[in-house]
């Protein structure tokens, strides 16, 4: 599969998920958080193609990271926490939605 095809596949497969849907992945150590301005498809491509130099740079910049126990504890208390997510085996990539995006999602609005 070409990079363009994989990018299109990743973009099509991005879903929204609550923290409770992602929590089991965090407990297994397979959840990776993606910070803006990095996109889920960009992160997914780098992981899928084993681009370790790019991934290491993003880790160093804090654009990719695993949730800390403190962050997990905070999210466990917040039933309104939602994310965009994509699966790139063996990882689940997630990007936190803003409160506005979450509200739009819960209201059934498109384009959040």
Protein backbone atom coordinates (compact mmCIF):
# COMPACT_ATOMS: atom_id res chain seq x y z
CA UNK A 1 0.00 0.00 0.00
CA UNK A 2 1.39 3.40 -0.96
CA UNK A 3 1.73 6.20 1.57
CA UNK A 4 -1.11 8.08 -0.16
CA UNK A 5 -3.38 5.04 0.03
CA UNK A 6 -2.52 4.45 3.68
CA UNK A 7 -3.13 8.12 4.51
CA UNK A 8 -6.55 7.96 2.84
CA UNK A 9 -7.35 4.74 4.74
CA UNK A 10 -6.31 6.30 8.06
CA UNK A 11 -8.35 9.43 7.38
CA UNK A 12 -11.42 7.32 6.58
CA UNK A 13 -11.01 5.23 9.73
CA UNK A 14 -10.70 8.07 12.25
CA UNK A 15 -13.46 7.72 14.83
CA UNK A 16 -14.50 9.56 17.95
CA UNK A 17 -14.28 7.68 21.22
CA UNK A 18 -14.90 8.42 24.87
CA UNK A 19 -12.14 8.06 27.41
CA UNK A 20 -13.83 4.90 28.71
CA UNK A 21 -13.49 3.26 25.29
CA UNK A 22 -9.77 4.12 25.21
CA UNK A 23 -8.98 3.32 28.84
CA UNK A 24 -8.34 -0.44 28.27
CA UNK A 25 -5.77 0.45 25.60
CA UNK A 26 -4.03 2.81 28.04
CA UNK A 27 -3.98 0.04 30.66
CA UNK A 28 -2.25 -2.28 28.14
CA UNK A 29 0.27 0.43 27.24
CA UNK A 30 -0.88 0.64 23.62
CA UNK A 31 -2.47 4.11 23.73
CA UNK A 32 -0.40 6.90 22.21
CA UNK A 33 -1.60 10.48 22.47
CA UNK A 34 -1.08 12.84 19.54
CA UNK A 35 -0.84 16.57 20.23
CA UNK A 36 -1.70 19.35 17.79
CA UNK A 37 -0.36 20.41 15.36
CA UNK A 38 0.52 16.79 14.56
CA UNK A 39 -2.34 14.97 12.86
CA UNK A 40 -3.50 11.42 13.50
CA UNK A 41 -2.79 10.40 9.86
CA UNK A 42 0.75 11.84 9.99
CA UNK A 43 1.47 10.01 13.25
CA UNK A 44 -0.10 6.83 11.91
CA UNK A 45 1.98 6.90 8.73
CA UNK A 46 5.21 7.35 10.66
CA UNK A 47 4.36 4.43 12.95
CA UNK A 48 3.14 2.19 10.13
CA UNK A 49 6.31 2.80 8.12
CA UNK A 50 8.51 2.44 11.21
CA UNK A 51 9.97 5.92 10.71
CA UNK A 52 11.82 5.82 14.01
CA UNK A 53 13.74 9.06 13.42
CA UNK A 54 10.53 11.05 12.96
CA UNK A 55 8.72 9.27 15.80
CA UNK A 56 11.65 9.87 18.16
CA UNK A 57 11.66 13.56 17.22
CA UNK A 58 7.94 13.84 17.94
CA UNK A 59 8.38 12.02 21.25
CA UNK A 60 11.14 14.47 22.16
CA UNK A 61 8.92 17.42 21.25
CA UNK A 62 6.00 16.06 23.29
CA UNK A 63 3.82 15.62 20.20
CA UNK A 64 3.54 11.87 20.86
CA UNK A 65 3.36 10.42 24.36
CA UNK A 66 1.71 7.81 26.51
CA UNK A 67 -0.69 9.11 29.15
CA UNK A 68 0.78 9.46 32.62
CA UNK A 69 -0.91 7.84 35.65
CA UNK A 70 -1.90 11.36 36.76
CA UNK A 71 -3.54 12.12 33.43
CA UNK A 72 -5.36 8.78 33.47
CA UNK A 73 -6.62 9.53 36.98
CA UNK A 74 -7.85 12.96 35.84
CA UNK A 75 -9.65 11.48 32.83
CA UNK A 76 -11.23 8.78 34.99
CA UNK A 77 -13.02 11.58 36.84
CA UNK A 78 -14.21 13.32 33.65
CA UNK A 79 -17.04 11.49 31.91
CA UNK A 80 -17.14 14.15 29.18
CA UNK A 81 -13.65 13.47 27.77
CA UNK A 82 -13.72 12.53 24.06
CA UNK A 83 -11.01 11.88 21.49
CA UNK A 84 -10.46 11.33 17.81
CA UNK A 85 -8.76 7.97 17.41
CA UNK A 86 -7.19 5.69 14.84
CA UNK A 87 -5.76 2.20 15.09
CA UNK A 88 -2.28 1.48 13.76
CA UNK A 89 -1.54 -2.00 15.08
CA UNK A 90 -0.39 -2.57 17.74
CA UNK A 91 -1.16 1.01 18.80
CA UNK A 92 -4.24 3.11 19.28
CA UNK A 93 -3.58 6.76 18.49
CA UNK A 94 -5.79 9.37 20.12
CA UNK A 95 -6.08 13.13 19.98
CA UNK A 96 -8.08 14.95 22.63
CA UNK A 97 -11.09 16.86 21.36
CA UNK A 98 -11.60 20.43 22.49
CA UNK A 99 -14.68 21.17 24.61
CA UNK A 100 -16.25 22.77 21.51
CA UNK A 101 -15.55 19.69 19.37
CA UNK A 102 -16.92 17.44 22.10
CA UNK A 103 -20.11 19.51 22.38
CA UNK A 104 -20.58 19.43 18.60
CA UNK A 105 -20.05 15.65 18.61
CA UNK A 106 -22.57 15.13 21.41
CA UNK A 107 -25.04 17.39 19.63
CA UNK A 108 -24.68 15.28 16.46
CA UNK A 109 -23.10 18.05 14.40
CA UNK A 110 -20.86 17.12 11.47
CA UNK A 111 -17.35 18.42 10.86
CA UNK A 112 -16.20 18.43 14.48
